[in-house]
Amino acid sequence: MSQCERQNPRAGSEGYARNAEAGAKLGIKIVTGPLVVATEHIAIALVEAERVETVQDFVMQSGLMQWNSVSVDSVKPLDQAMKEMETMPPPIY
């Protein structure tokens, strides 16, 4: 059975329903997505959660890793990251 939504519509429809259920149960807000890179098998979603571990739980409970390669990355606004970099000690080399 193909895991591509185009070849297996069930993977998309049932998968998206599971995503919504798991996200709501965990208090995850889907900000945007899923978006797809049209020439690749890549989907991107931007979500908000109190903790990155909650997003990892979401990936497990929704079953996303069954039909996608999943990467969870924590991000922050650029100005906040730049401000935090000012507190770094100087390089040791």
C-alpha atoms as a PDB file:
ATOM      1  CA  MET A   1       0.000   0.000   0.000  1.00  0.00           C
ATOM      2  CA  SER A   2       1.396   3.374  -0.984  1.00  0.00           C
ATOM      3  CA  GLN A   3       1.866   5.957   1.734  1.00  0.00           C
ATOM      4  CA  CYS A   4       1.652   8.852  -0.712  1.00  0.00           C
ATOM      5  CA  GLU A   5      -1.655  10.691  -0.376  1.00  0.00           C
ATOM      6  CA  ARG A   6      -1.981  10.900  -4.144  1.00  0.00           C
ATOM      7  CA  GLN A   7      -1.739   7.133  -4.512  1.00  0.00           C
ATOM      8  CA  ASN A   8      -3.572   6.325  -1.285  1.00  0.00           C
ATOM      9  CA  PRO A   9      -6.267   8.926  -0.484  1.00  0.00           C
ATOM     10  CA  ARG A  10      -7.053   7.100   2.765  1.00  0.00           C
ATOM     11  CA  ALA A  11      -3.590   8.003   4.092  1.00  0.00           C
ATOM     12  CA  GLY A  12      -4.434  11.685   3.610  1.00  0.00           C
ATOM     13  CA  SER A  13      -8.038  11.787   4.798  1.00  0.00           C
ATOM     14  CA  GLU A  14      -7.609   9.502   7.813  1.00  0.00           C
ATOM     15  CA  GLY A  15      -4.198  10.950   8.592  1.00  0.00           C
ATOM     16  CA  TYR A  16      -5.445  14.541   8.629  1.00  0.00           C
ATOM     17  CA  ALA A  17      -8.402  13.596  10.843  1.00  0.00           C
ATOM     18  CA  ARG A  18      -6.021  11.919  13.297  1.00  0.00           C
ATOM     19  CA  ASN A  19      -3.787  15.017  13.230  1.00  0.00           C
ATOM     20  CA  ALA A  20      -6.673  17.291  14.185  1.00  0.00           C
ATOM     21  CA  GLU A  21      -7.772  14.974  17.023  1.00  0.00           C
ATOM     22  CA  ALA A  22      -4.285  14.530  18.448  1.00  0.00           C
ATOM     23  CA  GLY A  23      -3.509  18.242  18.168  1.00  0.00           C
ATOM     24  CA  ALA A  24      -6.717  19.296  19.910  1.00  0.00           C
ATOM     25  CA  LYS A  25      -6.208  16.755  22.692  1.00  0.00           C
ATOM     26  CA  LEU A  26      -2.689  18.039  23.365  1.00  0.00           C
ATOM     27  CA  GLY A  27      -3.538  21.732  23.041  1.00  0.00           C
ATOM     28  CA  ILE A  28      -1.462  22.227  19.907  1.00  0.00           C
ATOM     29  CA  LYS A  29      -2.379  25.100  17.630  1.00  0.00           C
ATOM     30  CA  ILE A  30      -1.694  24.512  13.938  1.00  0.00           C
ATOM     31  CA  VAL A  31      -0.563  27.945  12.754  1.00  0.00           C
ATOM     32  CA  THR A  32      -0.140  27.026   9.105  1.00  0.00           C
ATOM     33  CA  GLY A  33       0.018  23.906   7.030  1.00  0.00           C
ATOM     34  CA  PRO A  34       0.351  21.334   6.054  1.00  0.00           C
ATOM     35  CA  LEU A  35       2.136  22.909   3.111  1.00  0.00           C
ATOM     36  CA  VAL A  36       3.845  20.743   0.524  1.00  0.00           C
ATOM     37  CA  VAL A  37       6.993  21.170  -1.502  1.00  0.00           C
ATOM     38  CA  ALA A  38       5.373  20.311  -4.817  1.00  0.00           C
ATOM     39  CA  THR A  39       8.360  18.581  -6.387  1.00  0.00           C
ATOM     40  CA  GLU A  40       9.289  16.545  -3.308  1.00  0.00           C
ATOM     41  CA  HIS A  41       7.612  14.296  -0.770  1.00  0.00           C
ATOM     42  CA  ILE A  42       7.949  16.996   1.880  1.00  0.00           C
ATOM     43  CA  ALA A  43       5.202  18.540   3.977  1.00  0.00           C
ATOM     44  CA  ILE A  44       5.725  21.429   6.378  1.00  0.00           C
ATOM     45  CA  ALA A  45       3.525  22.620   9.215  1.00  0.00           C
ATOM     46  CA  LEU A  46       4.055  25.384  11.739  1.00  0.00           C
ATOM     47  CA  VAL A  47       2.513  24.611  15.117  1.00  0.00           C
ATOM     48  CA  GLU A  48       2.431  26.299  18.524  1.00  0.00           C
ATOM     49  CA  ALA A  49       2.756  24.430  21.794  1.00  0.00           C
ATOM     50  CA  GLU A  50       3.931  25.145  25.327  1.00  0.00           C
ATOM     51  CA  ARG A  51       6.766  22.603  25.050  1.00  0.00           C
ATOM     52  CA  VAL A  52       8.619  20.913  22.184  1.00  0.00           C
ATOM     53  CA  GLU A  53       7.946  17.561  23.883  1.00  0.00           C
ATOM     54  CA  THR A  54       4.230  18.164  23.319  1.00  0.00           C
ATOM     55  CA  VAL A  55       4.903  18.411  19.586  1.00  0.00           C
ATOM     56  CA  GLN A  56       6.862  15.148  19.734  1.00  0.00           C
ATOM     57  CA  ASP A  57       3.880  13.532  21.495  1.00  0.00           C
ATOM     58  CA  PHE A  58       1.665  14.904  18.714  1.00  0.00           C
ATOM     59  CA  VAL A  59       3.848  13.263  16.068  1.00  0.00           C
ATOM     60  CA  MET A  60       3.525   9.904  17.848  1.00  0.00           C
ATOM     61  CA  GLN A  61      -0.192  10.086  18.642  1.00  0.00           C
ATOM     62  CA  SER A  62      -1.199  11.278  15.178  1.00  0.00           C
ATOM     63  CA  GLY A  63       0.845   8.555  13.495  1.00  0.00           C
ATOM     64  CA  LEU A  64       2.635  11.081  11.271  1.00  0.00           C
ATOM     65  CA  MET A  65       5.875   9.109  11.403  1.00  0.00           C
ATOM     66  CA  GLN A  66       4.080   6.128   9.811  1.00  0.00           C
ATOM     67  CA  TRP A  67       3.811   7.880   6.454  1.00  0.00           C
ATOM     68  CA  ASN A  68       6.293  10.770   6.669  1.00  0.00           C
ATOM     69  CA  SER A  69       9.833  11.494   7.712  1.00  0.00           C
ATOM     70  CA  VAL A  70       9.339  13.887  10.598  1.00  0.00           C
ATOM     71  CA  SER A  71      11.622  16.569  11.960  1.00  0.00           C
ATOM     72  CA  VAL A  72      10.622  18.652  14.985  1.00  0.00           C
ATOM     73  CA  ASP A  73      12.505  21.924  15.283  1.00  0.00           C
ATOM     74  CA  SER A  74      12.078  24.566  17.954  1.00  0.00           C
ATOM     75  CA  VAL A  75      12.135  28.105  16.581  1.00  0.00           C
ATOM     76  CA  LYS A  76      11.980  31.639  17.952  1.00  0.00           C
ATOM     77  CA  PRO A  77      11.751  35.131  16.506  1.00  0.00           C
ATOM     78  CA  LEU A  78      15.016  36.431  15.039  1.00  0.00           C
ATOM     79  CA  ASP A  79      15.168  39.480  17.334  1.00  0.00           C
ATOM     80  CA  GLN A  80      14.856  37.228  20.403  1.00  0.00           C
ATOM     81  CA  ALA A  81      17.615  34.918  19.113  1.00  0.00           C
ATOM     82  CA  MET A  82      19.892  37.891  18.431  1.00  0.00           C
ATOM     83  CA  LYS A  83      19.300  39.258  21.921  1.00  0.00           C
ATOM     84  CA  GLU A  84      20.139  35.865  23.444  1.00  0.00           C
ATOM     85  CA  MET A  85      23.354  35.696  21.398  1.00  0.00           C
ATOM     86  CA  GLU A  86      24.551  38.861  23.134  1.00  0.00           C
ATOM     87  CA  THR A  87      24.775  36.900  26.375  1.00  0.00           C
ATOM     88  CA  MET A  88      27.073  34.227  24.924  1.00  0.00           C
ATOM     89  CA  PRO A  89      30.654  34.217  26.147  1.00  0.00           C
ATOM     90  CA  PRO A  90      33.339  35.050  23.585  1.00  0.00           C
ATOM     91  CA  PRO A  91      34.802  32.180  21.543  1.00  0.00           C
ATOM     92  CA  ILE A  92      37.511  30.204  23.299  1.00  0.00           C
ATOM     93  CA  TYR A  93      39.747  29.982  20.247  1.00  0.00           C
END
